[in-house]
Amino acid sequence: MAVPAVKDAPNGVVEKTESADPALFDVGVDRSDLGRPDSIRYNILVWVLDERYDKAIEELKDFLEKPSEYPNFKDKVTRYIYHSIDLIYAIKAKRSFPGINSLTRAKQQELREKFKEHFRELQYVLKVVEKIQSDLRIQDVRSTIYVVKAVWISALAIILLAFWLDIVNGLAKTTIVVFDDGFGKFANWLAELVGF
């Protein structure tokens, strides 16, 4: 995942659509609330806050197309990624609304509230994607632990079975022969004592 750069435009020229006063769409979110700096959530939300919507959408699509080490990851996150893309388009529409400065304060406030609502929903949906990813990672670790435990228990069971068979086939037969010989000697001694 790419970490957002200051500007990726040639010669430092950035084309920007006419937008309203930046304070109008201030979300009031601290950058520490956006997640870890190397996470998909952080990257997407920073791109959106910097009004780099195309870059955010491109990164989401790349994230979805990137091969995953978990077989059902793509199936679980596809709808969330597409919903995130829709939210980014909605945020873009709210922030680049034509003639926003000519709207009444109530309408501007309504647009601002919708923008904040879409941004919070985007933040939530990206948290869900990260949670799915971490849940699959935990399931993978658990399954590895189960396999290791099963191998360890199987090895222990084989060792115990081998020990049991050695006792039954080796020591038990020897013990029976010793007891049988001892009983025979004792019976012979009793027979001689009685006078048989």
N, C-alpha and C. Protein backbone atom coordinates (compact mmCIF):
# COMPACT_ATOMS: atom_id res chain seq x y z
N MET A 1 0.83 -1.17 0.00
CA MET A 1 0.00 0.00 0.00
C MET A 1 0.88 1.24 0.00
N ALA A 2 0.52 2.21 -0.75
CA ALA A 2 1.31 3.42 -0.86
C ALA A 2 0.91 4.39 0.24
N VAL A 3 1.90 5.03 0.81
CA VAL A 3 1.64 6.07 1.79
C VAL A 3 1.41 7.35 1.03
N PRO A 4 0.38 8.10 1.39
CA PRO A 4 0.06 9.30 0.63
C PRO A 4 1.22 10.28 0.59
N ALA A 5 1.52 10.76 -0.60
CA ALA A 5 2.56 11.76 -0.78
C ALA A 5 1.93 13.14 -0.67
N VAL A 6 2.77 14.14 -0.58
CA VAL A 6 2.24 15.49 -0.45
C VAL A 6 1.43 15.84 -1.69
N LYS A 7 1.99 15.70 -2.84
CA LYS A 7 1.26 15.91 -4.10
C LYS A 7 1.93 15.07 -5.16
N ASP A 8 1.13 14.43 -6.01
CA ASP A 8 1.65 13.60 -7.08
C ASP A 8 1.43 14.23 -8.45
N ALA A 9 1.39 15.52 -8.51
CA ALA A 9 1.11 16.18 -9.78
C ALA A 9 2.42 16.60 -10.44
N PRO A 10 2.43 16.66 -11.78
CA PRO A 10 3.64 17.09 -12.47
C PRO A 10 3.94 18.56 -12.18
N ASN A 11 5.21 18.87 -11.97
CA ASN A 11 5.68 20.24 -11.72
C ASN A 11 5.01 20.88 -10.50
N GLY A 12 4.46 20.08 -9.62
CA GLY A 12 3.86 20.62 -8.42
C GLY A 12 2.52 21.29 -8.65
N VAL A 13 1.99 21.24 -9.88
CA VAL A 13 0.72 21.89 -10.18
C VAL A 13 -0.40 20.90 -9.85
N VAL A 14 -1.33 21.35 -9.07
CA VAL A 14 -2.43 20.49 -8.67
C VAL A 14 -3.72 21.11 -9.15
N GLU A 15 -4.49 20.33 -9.90
CA GLU A 15 -5.79 20.81 -10.33
C GLU A 15 -6.77 20.53 -9.22
N LYS A 16 -7.51 21.55 -8.83
CA LYS A 16 -8.45 21.41 -7.75
C LYS A 16 -9.78 21.98 -8.20
N THR A 17 -10.81 21.26 -7.90
CA THR A 17 -12.11 21.77 -8.26
C THR A 17 -12.49 22.86 -7.28
N GLU A 18 -13.42 23.71 -7.70
CA GLU A 18 -13.85 24.78 -6.81
C GLU A 18 -14.61 24.15 -5.66
N SER A 19 -14.13 24.39 -4.48
CA SER A 19 -14.82 23.85 -3.32
C SER A 19 -15.04 24.96 -2.32
N ALA A 20 -15.79 24.64 -1.33
CA ALA A 20 -16.15 25.63 -0.33
C ALA A 20 -14.99 25.86 0.62
N ASP A 21 -15.24 26.71 1.54
CA ASP A 21 -14.28 27.00 2.59
C ASP A 21 -13.87 25.70 3.28
N PRO A 22 -12.55 25.46 3.41
CA PRO A 22 -12.11 24.20 4.02
C PRO A 22 -12.68 23.99 5.43
N ALA A 23 -12.92 25.07 6.15
CA ALA A 23 -13.47 24.93 7.50
C ALA A 23 -14.90 24.38 7.46
N LEU A 24 -15.59 24.60 6.35
CA LEU A 24 -16.96 24.12 6.24
C LEU A 24 -17.01 22.60 6.29
N PHE A 25 -16.01 21.92 5.70
CA PHE A 25 -16.00 20.47 5.67
C PHE A 25 -14.96 19.88 6.61
N ASP A 26 -14.61 20.60 7.65
CA ASP A 26 -13.68 20.06 8.63
C ASP A 26 -14.38 18.96 9.42
N VAL A 27 -13.81 17.79 9.37
CA VAL A 27 -14.42 16.63 10.03
C VAL A 27 -14.14 16.66 11.52
N GLY A 28 -13.06 17.30 11.90
CA GLY A 28 -12.69 17.35 13.30
C GLY A 28 -12.11 16.03 13.79
N VAL A 29 -11.47 15.31 12.88
CA VAL A 29 -10.86 14.03 13.24
C VAL A 29 -9.36 14.20 13.37
N ASP A 30 -8.83 13.61 14.41
CA ASP A 30 -7.39 13.62 14.62
C ASP A 30 -6.77 12.53 13.76
N ARG A 31 -5.60 12.77 13.23
CA ARG A 31 -4.96 11.77 12.35
C ARG A 31 -4.66 10.48 13.10
N SER A 32 -4.56 10.55 14.41
CA SER A 32 -4.33 9.32 15.18
C SER A 32 -5.58 8.45 15.22
N ASP A 33 -6.74 9.03 14.94
CA ASP A 33 -7.99 8.26 14.90
C ASP A 33 -8.18 7.52 13.59
N LEU A 34 -7.28 7.72 12.67
CA LEU A 34 -7.42 7.12 11.34
C LEU A 34 -6.82 5.72 11.26
N GLY A 35 -6.20 5.25 12.31
CA GLY A 35 -5.62 3.91 12.30
C GLY A 35 -4.10 3.97 12.17
N ARG A 36 -3.51 2.79 12.04
CA ARG A 36 -2.05 2.70 11.88
C ARG A 36 -1.65 3.32 10.54
N PRO A 37 -0.51 3.99 10.49
CA PRO A 37 -0.10 4.64 9.24
C PRO A 37 0.12 3.70 8.07
N ASP A 38 0.32 2.42 8.30
CA ASP A 38 0.53 1.50 7.18
C ASP A 38 -0.73 0.72 6.82
N SER A 39 -1.87 1.11 7.39
CA SER A 39 -3.11 0.37 7.15
C SER A 39 -3.88 0.95 5.97
N ILE A 40 -4.75 0.13 5.42
CA ILE A 40 -5.59 0.57 4.30
C ILE A 40 -6.52 1.70 4.74
N ARG A 41 -7.02 1.61 5.96
CA ARG A 41 -7.94 2.63 6.47
C ARG A 41 -7.25 3.99 6.53
N TYR A 42 -6.05 4.02 7.07
CA TYR A 42 -5.32 5.28 7.19
C TYR A 42 -5.08 5.88 5.80
N ASN A 43 -4.59 5.07 4.88
CA ASN A 43 -4.27 5.58 3.55
C ASN A 43 -5.50 6.15 2.86
N ILE A 44 -6.60 5.41 2.89
CA ILE A 44 -7.82 5.86 2.19
C ILE A 44 -8.36 7.13 2.83
N LEU A 45 -8.44 7.16 4.16
CA LEU A 45 -9.01 8.33 4.83
C LEU A 45 -8.14 9.57 4.64
N VAL A 46 -6.82 9.39 4.60
CA VAL A 46 -5.94 10.53 4.36
C VAL A 46 -6.13 11.05 2.93
N TRP A 47 -6.26 10.12 1.98
CA TRP A 47 -6.50 10.56 0.59
C TRP A 47 -7.82 11.32 0.51
N VAL A 48 -8.83 10.84 1.18
CA VAL A 48 -10.14 11.51 1.13
C VAL A 48 -10.06 12.88 1.80
N LEU A 49 -9.41 12.98 2.94
CA LEU A 49 -9.28 14.27 3.61
C LEU A 49 -8.48 15.26 2.78
N ASP A 50 -7.52 14.74 2.00
CA ASP A 50 -6.72 15.60 1.13
C ASP A 50 -7.39 15.84 -0.22
N GLU A 51 -8.61 15.38 -0.37
CA GLU A 51 -9.40 15.52 -1.60
C GLU A 51 -8.73 14.86 -2.79
N ARG A 52 -8.09 13.73 -2.57
CA ARG A 52 -7.46 12.93 -3.62
C ARG A 52 -8.32 11.69 -3.82
N TYR A 53 -9.53 11.89 -4.26
CA TYR A 53 -10.53 10.82 -4.35
C TYR A 53 -10.14 9.73 -5.33
N ASP A 54 -9.62 10.14 -6.49
CA ASP A 54 -9.24 9.14 -7.50
C ASP A 54 -8.14 8.23 -6.98
N LYS A 55 -7.21 8.80 -6.25
CA LYS A 55 -6.13 8.00 -5.67
C LYS A 55 -6.69 7.03 -4.62
N ALA A 56 -7.65 7.48 -3.82
CA ALA A 56 -8.26 6.61 -2.80
C ALA A 56 -9.02 5.46 -3.46
N ILE A 57 -9.77 5.76 -4.51
CA ILE A 57 -10.54 4.72 -5.22
C ILE A 57 -9.59 3.74 -5.89
N GLU A 58 -8.53 4.26 -6.49
CA GLU A 58 -7.55 3.39 -7.14
C GLU A 58 -6.90 2.45 -6.12
N GLU A 59 -6.58 2.99 -4.95
CA GLU A 59 -5.96 2.15 -3.92
C GLU A 59 -6.92 1.09 -3.40
N LEU A 60 -8.21 1.44 -3.28
CA LEU A 60 -9.20 0.44 -2.85
C LEU A 60 -9.33 -0.68 -3.88
N LYS A 61 -9.36 -0.30 -5.16
CA LYS A 61 -9.46 -1.32 -6.21
C LYS A 61 -8.21 -2.20 -6.24
N ASP A 62 -7.04 -1.59 -6.06
CA ASP A 62 -5.80 -2.38 -6.00
C ASP A 62 -5.82 -3.32 -4.81
N PHE A 63 -6.33 -2.85 -3.69
CA PHE A 63 -6.42 -3.67 -2.49
C PHE A 63 -7.32 -4.88 -2.73
N LEU A 64 -8.41 -4.65 -3.44
CA LEU A 64 -9.35 -5.74 -3.72
C LEU A 64 -8.77 -6.74 -4.71
N GLU A 65 -8.01 -6.26 -5.70
CA GLU A 65 -7.46 -7.14 -6.73
C GLU A 65 -6.17 -7.84 -6.28
N LYS A 66 -5.54 -7.32 -5.25
CA LYS A 66 -4.28 -7.91 -4.77
C LYS A 66 -4.56 -9.32 -4.24
N PRO A 67 -3.75 -10.30 -4.64
CA PRO A 67 -3.98 -11.66 -4.15
C PRO A 67 -3.80 -11.72 -2.64
N SER A 68 -4.68 -12.49 -2.01
CA SER A 68 -4.64 -12.62 -0.56
C SER A 68 -4.20 -14.01 -0.17
N GLU A 69 -3.59 -14.12 0.99
CA GLU A 69 -3.18 -15.43 1.48
C GLU A 69 -4.33 -16.20 2.10
N TYR A 70 -5.48 -15.55 2.21
CA TYR A 70 -6.67 -16.20 2.76
C TYR A 70 -7.67 -16.41 1.62
N PRO A 71 -8.10 -17.64 1.39
CA PRO A 71 -8.91 -17.95 0.21
C PRO A 71 -10.26 -17.23 0.14
N ASN A 72 -10.93 -17.01 1.26
CA ASN A 72 -12.25 -16.39 1.20
C ASN A 72 -12.23 -14.91 1.57
N PHE A 73 -11.06 -14.30 1.60
CA PHE A 73 -10.96 -12.89 1.96
C PHE A 73 -11.68 -11.99 0.95
N LYS A 74 -11.44 -12.25 -0.31
CA LYS A 74 -12.02 -11.40 -1.37
C LYS A 74 -13.55 -11.47 -1.34
N ASP A 75 -14.09 -12.66 -1.10
CA ASP A 75 -15.55 -12.81 -1.04
C ASP A 75 -16.14 -12.01 0.11
N LYS A 76 -15.42 -11.96 1.22
CA LYS A 76 -15.94 -11.29 2.41
C LYS A 76 -15.86 -9.77 2.33
N VAL A 77 -14.85 -9.23 1.64
CA VAL A 77 -14.66 -7.78 1.65
C VAL A 77 -15.13 -7.07 0.40
N THR A 78 -15.51 -7.78 -0.63
CA THR A 78 -15.86 -7.13 -1.91
C THR A 78 -16.97 -6.11 -1.73
N ARG A 79 -18.03 -6.49 -1.05
CA ARG A 79 -19.16 -5.55 -0.92
C ARG A 79 -18.78 -4.33 -0.08
N TYR A 80 -17.90 -4.52 0.91
CA TYR A 80 -17.47 -3.39 1.73
C TYR A 80 -16.59 -2.44 0.92
N ILE A 81 -15.74 -3.00 0.07
CA ILE A 81 -14.88 -2.15 -0.76
C ILE A 81 -15.73 -1.34 -1.75
N TYR A 82 -16.70 -2.00 -2.38
CA TYR A 82 -17.56 -1.27 -3.32
C TYR A 82 -18.39 -0.21 -2.60
N HIS A 83 -18.84 -0.52 -1.40
CA HIS A 83 -19.57 0.47 -0.62
C HIS A 83 -18.66 1.65 -0.25
N SER A 84 -17.41 1.37 0.07
CA SER A 84 -16.45 2.43 0.37
C SER A 84 -16.24 3.33 -0.84
N ILE A 85 -16.15 2.72 -2.02
CA ILE A 85 -16.00 3.51 -3.24
C ILE A 85 -17.21 4.41 -3.45
N ASP A 86 -18.40 3.87 -3.22
CA ASP A 86 -19.62 4.68 -3.32
C ASP A 86 -19.60 5.83 -2.32
N LEU A 87 -19.14 5.57 -1.12
CA LEU A 87 -19.06 6.63 -0.11
C LEU A 87 -18.06 7.71 -0.51
N ILE A 88 -16.95 7.30 -1.12
CA ILE A 88 -15.97 8.28 -1.58
C ILE A 88 -16.58 9.17 -2.66
N TYR A 89 -17.33 8.56 -3.58
CA TYR A 89 -18.02 9.37 -4.59
C TYR A 89 -19.02 10.33 -3.96
N ALA A 90 -19.72 9.87 -2.93
CA ALA A 90 -20.69 10.74 -2.24
C ALA A 90 -19.98 11.89 -1.53
N ILE A 91 -18.86 11.60 -0.90
CA ILE A 91 -18.08 12.65 -0.23
C ILE A 91 -17.57 13.65 -1.25
N LYS A 92 -17.11 13.15 -2.37
CA LYS A 92 -16.62 14.04 -3.43
C LYS A 92 -17.74 14.94 -3.93
N ALA A 93 -18.92 14.38 -4.09
CA ALA A 93 -20.06 15.18 -4.56
C ALA A 93 -20.43 16.26 -3.54
N LYS A 94 -20.36 15.93 -2.27
CA LYS A 94 -20.71 16.92 -1.23
C LYS A 94 -19.66 18.03 -1.16
N ARG A 95 -18.40 17.67 -1.26
CA ARG A 95 -17.34 18.67 -1.13
C ARG A 95 -17.18 19.54 -2.37
N SER A 96 -17.49 19.00 -3.53
CA SER A 96 -17.33 19.80 -4.75
C SER A 96 -18.69 20.21 -5.31
N PHE A 97 -19.63 20.43 -4.43
CA PHE A 97 -20.98 20.85 -4.84
C PHE A 97 -20.89 22.22 -5.50
N PRO A 98 -21.38 22.35 -6.75
CA PRO A 98 -21.26 23.65 -7.44
C PRO A 98 -22.11 24.73 -6.76
N GLY A 99 -21.52 25.87 -6.57
CA GLY A 99 -22.24 27.00 -5.99
C GLY A 99 -22.57 26.84 -4.52
N ILE A 100 -21.72 26.15 -3.80
CA ILE A 100 -22.01 25.90 -2.38
C ILE A 100 -22.03 27.20 -1.57
N ASN A 101 -21.22 28.17 -2.00
CA ASN A 101 -21.16 29.43 -1.27
C ASN A 101 -22.43 30.24 -1.43
N SER A 102 -23.21 29.97 -2.47
CA SER A 102 -24.45 30.71 -2.68
C SER A 102 -25.63 30.07 -1.95
N LEU A 103 -25.43 28.91 -1.35
CA LEU A 103 -26.49 28.26 -0.60
C LEU A 103 -26.70 28.93 0.75
N THR A 104 -27.87 28.72 1.31
CA THR A 104 -28.14 29.26 2.64
C THR A 104 -27.30 28.53 3.67
N ARG A 105 -27.15 29.13 4.82
CA ARG A 105 -26.36 28.51 5.89
C ARG A 105 -26.96 27.16 6.30
N ALA A 106 -28.26 27.06 6.29
CA ALA A 106 -28.90 25.79 6.66
C ALA A 106 -28.56 24.70 5.66
N LYS A 107 -28.57 25.03 4.38
CA LYS A 107 -28.23 24.04 3.36
C LYS A 107 -26.74 23.68 3.44
N GLN A 108 -25.89 24.67 3.69
CA GLN A 108 -24.47 24.39 3.85
C GLN A 108 -24.24 23.48 5.06
N GLN A 109 -24.97 23.75 6.13
CA GLN A 109 -24.85 22.91 7.33
C GLN A 109 -25.34 21.49 7.03
N GLU A 110 -26.41 21.38 6.26
CA GLU A 110 -26.93 20.07 5.88
C GLU A 110 -25.91 19.29 5.05
N LEU A 111 -25.26 19.97 4.09
CA LEU A 111 -24.21 19.34 3.29
C LEU A 111 -23.04 18.92 4.19
N ARG A 112 -22.69 19.78 5.13
CA ARG A 112 -21.60 19.47 6.04
C ARG A 112 -21.92 18.23 6.88
N GLU A 113 -23.13 18.16 7.40
CA GLU A 113 -23.54 17.00 8.20
C GLU A 113 -23.55 15.72 7.37
N LYS A 114 -24.00 15.81 6.14
CA LYS A 114 -23.99 14.63 5.25
C LYS A 114 -22.55 14.20 4.97
N PHE A 115 -21.68 15.19 4.75
CA PHE A 115 -20.27 14.88 4.52
C PHE A 115 -19.68 14.14 5.73
N LYS A 116 -19.93 14.67 6.93
CA LYS A 116 -19.42 14.03 8.15
C LYS A 116 -20.00 12.63 8.31
N GLU A 117 -21.28 12.49 8.00
CA GLU A 117 -21.93 11.17 8.12
C GLU A 117 -21.29 10.18 7.15
N HIS A 118 -21.07 10.60 5.91
CA HIS A 118 -20.43 9.72 4.93
C HIS A 118 -19.00 9.39 5.34
N PHE A 119 -18.28 10.38 5.88
CA PHE A 119 -16.91 10.14 6.29
C PHE A 119 -16.86 9.15 7.45
N ARG A 120 -17.74 9.33 8.44
CA ARG A 120 -17.77 8.40 9.57
C ARG A 120 -18.15 7.00 9.11
N GLU A 121 -19.09 6.91 8.16
CA GLU A 121 -19.47 5.60 7.64
C GLU A 121 -18.31 4.96 6.87
N LEU A 122 -17.60 5.76 6.10
CA LEU A 122 -16.42 5.25 5.39
C LEU A 122 -15.38 4.75 6.39
N GLN A 123 -15.17 5.50 7.45
CA GLN A 123 -14.23 5.09 8.48
C GLN A 123 -14.68 3.77 9.10
N TYR A 124 -15.97 3.63 9.38
CA TYR A 124 -16.50 2.40 9.97
C TYR A 124 -16.35 1.21 9.02
N VAL A 125 -16.69 1.42 7.75
CA VAL A 125 -16.62 0.32 6.76
C VAL A 125 -15.16 -0.15 6.60
N LEU A 126 -14.23 0.78 6.60
CA LEU A 126 -12.82 0.40 6.49
C LEU A 126 -12.34 -0.32 7.75
N LYS A 127 -12.90 0.04 8.90
CA LYS A 127 -12.59 -0.70 10.13
C LYS A 127 -13.11 -2.14 10.02
N VAL A 128 -14.29 -2.29 9.41
CA VAL A 128 -14.85 -3.63 9.23
C VAL A 128 -13.94 -4.47 8.32
N VAL A 129 -13.44 -3.86 7.25
CA VAL A 129 -12.52 -4.57 6.35
C VAL A 129 -11.27 -5.00 7.10
N GLU A 130 -10.72 -4.10 7.91
CA GLU A 130 -9.54 -4.46 8.70
C GLU A 130 -9.85 -5.56 9.71
N LYS A 131 -11.05 -5.51 10.30
CA LYS A 131 -11.44 -6.54 11.27
C LYS A 131 -11.58 -7.89 10.57
N ILE A 132 -12.16 -7.91 9.38
CA ILE A 132 -12.26 -9.16 8.62
C ILE A 132 -10.87 -9.71 8.35
N GLN A 133 -9.97 -8.84 7.96
CA GLN A 133 -8.60 -9.27 7.67
C GLN A 133 -7.93 -9.83 8.93
N SER A 134 -8.09 -9.15 10.05
CA SER A 134 -7.47 -9.65 11.28
C SER A 134 -8.15 -10.92 11.78
N ASP A 135 -9.48 -11.04 11.60
CA ASP A 135 -10.18 -12.27 11.99
C ASP A 135 -9.70 -13.46 11.18
N LEU A 136 -9.50 -13.26 9.87
CA LEU A 136 -8.98 -14.34 9.04
C LEU A 136 -7.55 -14.71 9.44
N ARG A 137 -6.77 -13.71 9.81
CA ARG A 137 -5.41 -13.97 10.27
C ARG A 137 -5.44 -14.79 11.57
N ILE A 138 -6.35 -14.44 12.47
CA ILE A 138 -6.48 -15.18 13.74
C ILE A 138 -6.96 -16.60 13.48
N GLN A 139 -7.92 -16.77 12.57
CA GLN A 139 -8.38 -18.12 12.22
C GLN A 139 -7.24 -18.95 11.64
N ASP A 140 -6.41 -18.33 10.82
CA ASP A 140 -5.27 -19.03 10.23
C ASP A 140 -4.29 -19.47 11.32
N VAL A 141 -4.03 -18.58 12.25
CA VAL A 141 -3.12 -18.92 13.35
C VAL A 141 -3.73 -20.03 14.20
N ARG A 142 -5.03 -19.91 14.48
CA ARG A 142 -5.69 -20.95 15.28
C ARG A 142 -5.63 -22.30 14.58
N SER A 143 -5.88 -22.33 13.28
CA SER A 143 -5.84 -23.60 12.57
C SER A 143 -4.42 -24.18 12.59
N THR A 144 -3.42 -23.31 12.51
CA THR A 144 -2.03 -23.78 12.61
C THR A 144 -1.77 -24.36 13.99
N ILE A 145 -2.28 -23.70 15.01
CA ILE A 145 -2.12 -24.21 16.38
C ILE A 145 -2.81 -25.55 16.52
N TYR A 146 -4.02 -25.68 15.93
CA TYR A 146 -4.74 -26.96 16.00
C TYR A 146 -3.94 -28.08 15.33
N VAL A 147 -3.33 -27.78 14.20
CA VAL A 147 -2.54 -28.79 13.48
C VAL A 147 -1.32 -29.19 14.32
N VAL A 148 -0.65 -28.20 14.90
CA VAL A 148 0.53 -28.50 15.72
C VAL A 148 0.12 -29.33 16.93
N LYS A 149 -0.99 -28.95 17.58
CA LYS A 149 -1.47 -29.72 18.73
C LYS A 149 -1.84 -31.15 18.32
N ALA A 150 -2.52 -31.29 17.18
CA ALA A 150 -2.91 -32.62 16.71
C ALA A 150 -1.69 -33.48 16.44
N VAL A 151 -0.66 -32.91 15.82
CA VAL A 151 0.57 -33.66 15.54
C VAL A 151 1.24 -34.05 16.85
N TRP A 152 1.29 -33.13 17.81
CA TRP A 152 1.92 -33.40 19.09
C TRP A 152 1.16 -34.49 19.84
N ILE A 153 -0.17 -34.41 19.88
CA ILE A 153 -0.98 -35.43 20.56
C ILE A 153 -0.85 -36.78 19.86
N SER A 154 -0.82 -36.77 18.54
CA SER A 154 -0.65 -38.03 17.79
C SER A 154 0.70 -38.66 18.10
N ALA A 155 1.74 -37.86 18.13
CA ALA A 155 3.08 -38.39 18.45
C ALA A 155 3.11 -38.94 19.86
N LEU A 156 2.48 -38.24 20.80
CA LEU A 156 2.42 -38.73 22.17
C LEU A 156 1.63 -40.03 22.26
N ALA A 157 0.51 -40.11 21.52
CA ALA A 157 -0.31 -41.33 21.52
C ALA A 157 0.48 -42.50 20.93
N ILE A 158 1.24 -42.26 19.87
CA ILE A 158 2.04 -43.33 19.25
C ILE A 158 3.13 -43.80 20.22
N ILE A 159 3.76 -42.87 20.91
CA ILE A 159 4.79 -43.25 21.89
C ILE A 159 4.19 -44.06 23.03
N LEU A 160 3.03 -43.62 23.54
CA LEU A 160 2.37 -44.37 24.62
C LEU A 160 1.93 -45.75 24.14
N LEU A 161 1.42 -45.85 22.92
CA LEU A 161 1.02 -47.15 22.37
C LEU A 161 2.23 -48.05 22.22
N ALA A 162 3.33 -47.51 21.74
CA ALA A 162 4.55 -48.31 21.59
C ALA A 162 5.04 -48.79 22.96
N PHE A 163 4.99 -47.93 23.95
CA PHE A 163 5.39 -48.31 25.30
C PHE A 163 4.47 -49.40 25.84
N TRP A 164 3.16 -49.24 25.63
CA TRP A 164 2.18 -50.24 26.08
C TRP A 164 2.41 -51.59 25.39
N LEU A 165 2.62 -51.57 24.07
CA LEU A 165 2.86 -52.82 23.35
C LEU A 165 4.17 -53.47 23.80
N ASP A 166 5.16 -52.67 24.11
CA ASP A 166 6.42 -53.21 24.60
C ASP A 166 6.22 -53.87 25.96
N ILE A 167 5.42 -53.23 26.80
CA ILE A 167 5.15 -53.83 28.11
C ILE A 167 4.35 -55.12 27.95
N VAL A 168 3.29 -55.09 27.12
CA VAL A 168 2.42 -56.26 26.96
C VAL A 168 3.17 -57.41 26.29
N ASN A 169 3.87 -57.13 25.20
CA ASN A 169 4.53 -58.19 24.44
C ASN A 169 5.89 -58.58 25.01
N GLY A 170 6.53 -57.71 25.73
CA GLY A 170 7.87 -58.02 26.25
C GLY A 170 7.85 -58.31 27.73
N LEU A 171 7.62 -57.31 28.52
CA LEU A 171 7.69 -57.43 29.97
C LEU A 171 6.59 -58.32 30.52
N ALA A 172 5.39 -58.23 29.99
CA ALA A 172 4.27 -59.04 30.50
C ALA A 172 4.54 -60.53 30.26
N LYS A 173 5.01 -60.87 29.07
CA LYS A 173 5.29 -62.29 28.78
C LYS A 173 6.43 -62.80 29.67
N THR A 174 7.44 -61.97 29.87
CA THR A 174 8.55 -62.34 30.73
C THR A 174 8.07 -62.53 32.16
N THR A 175 7.22 -61.64 32.61
CA THR A 175 6.68 -61.74 33.97
C THR A 175 5.86 -63.01 34.13
N ILE A 176 5.07 -63.36 33.14
CA ILE A 176 4.26 -64.59 33.20
C ILE A 176 5.17 -65.82 33.27
N VAL A 177 6.22 -65.82 32.45
CA VAL A 177 7.15 -66.96 32.46
C VAL A 177 7.83 -67.07 33.84
N VAL A 178 8.25 -65.93 34.41
CA VAL A 178 8.90 -65.95 35.72
C VAL A 178 7.94 -66.44 36.80
N PHE A 179 6.70 -65.92 36.79
CA PHE A 179 5.71 -66.37 37.79
C PHE A 179 5.37 -67.86 37.61
N ASP A 180 5.25 -68.28 36.35
CA ASP A 180 4.93 -69.69 36.08
C ASP A 180 6.07 -70.58 36.59
N ASP A 181 7.30 -70.19 36.33
CA ASP A 181 8.45 -70.97 36.80
C ASP A 181 8.50 -70.97 38.33
N GLY A 182 8.26 -69.80 38.92
CA GLY A 182 8.27 -69.71 40.38
C GLY A 182 7.15 -70.54 41.00
N PHE A 183 5.97 -70.51 40.38
CA PHE A 183 4.84 -71.31 40.89
C PHE A 183 5.14 -72.80 40.74
N GLY A 184 5.77 -73.17 39.63
CA GLY A 184 6.15 -74.59 39.42
C GLY A 184 7.14 -75.05 40.47
N LYS A 185 8.13 -74.22 40.76
CA LYS A 185 9.12 -74.57 41.79
C LYS A 185 8.46 -74.66 43.17
N PHE A 186 7.55 -73.75 43.43
CA PHE A 186 6.85 -73.76 44.71
C PHE A 186 5.97 -75.00 44.82
N ALA A 187 5.29 -75.37 43.72
CA ALA A 187 4.44 -76.57 43.73
C ALA A 187 5.30 -77.82 43.92
N ASN A 188 6.45 -77.89 43.27
CA ASN A 188 7.35 -79.03 43.45
C ASN A 188 7.87 -79.11 44.88
N TRP A 189 8.21 -78.00 45.46
CA TRP A 189 8.69 -77.98 46.83
C TRP A 189 7.60 -78.45 47.79
N LEU A 190 6.33 -78.00 47.56
CA LEU A 190 5.21 -78.45 48.41
C LEU A 190 4.98 -79.95 48.23
N ALA A 191 5.10 -80.43 46.99
CA ALA A 191 4.89 -81.86 46.73
C ALA A 191 5.96 -82.66 47.46
N GLU A 192 7.21 -82.23 47.47
CA GLU A 192 8.27 -82.94 48.17
C GLU A 192 8.06 -82.87 49.68
N LEU A 193 7.54 -81.75 50.14
CA LEU A 193 7.31 -81.58 51.57
C LEU A 193 6.21 -82.51 52.06
N VAL A 194 5.17 -82.65 51.28
CA VAL A 194 4.06 -83.52 51.63
C VAL A 194 4.43 -84.99 51.39
N GLY A 195 5.30 -85.22 50.49
CA GLY A 195 5.75 -86.57 50.18
C GLY A 195 5.12 -87.13 48.94
N PHE A 196 4.78 -86.36 48.08
CA PHE A 196 4.24 -86.85 46.82
C PHE A 196 5.30 -87.34 45.93
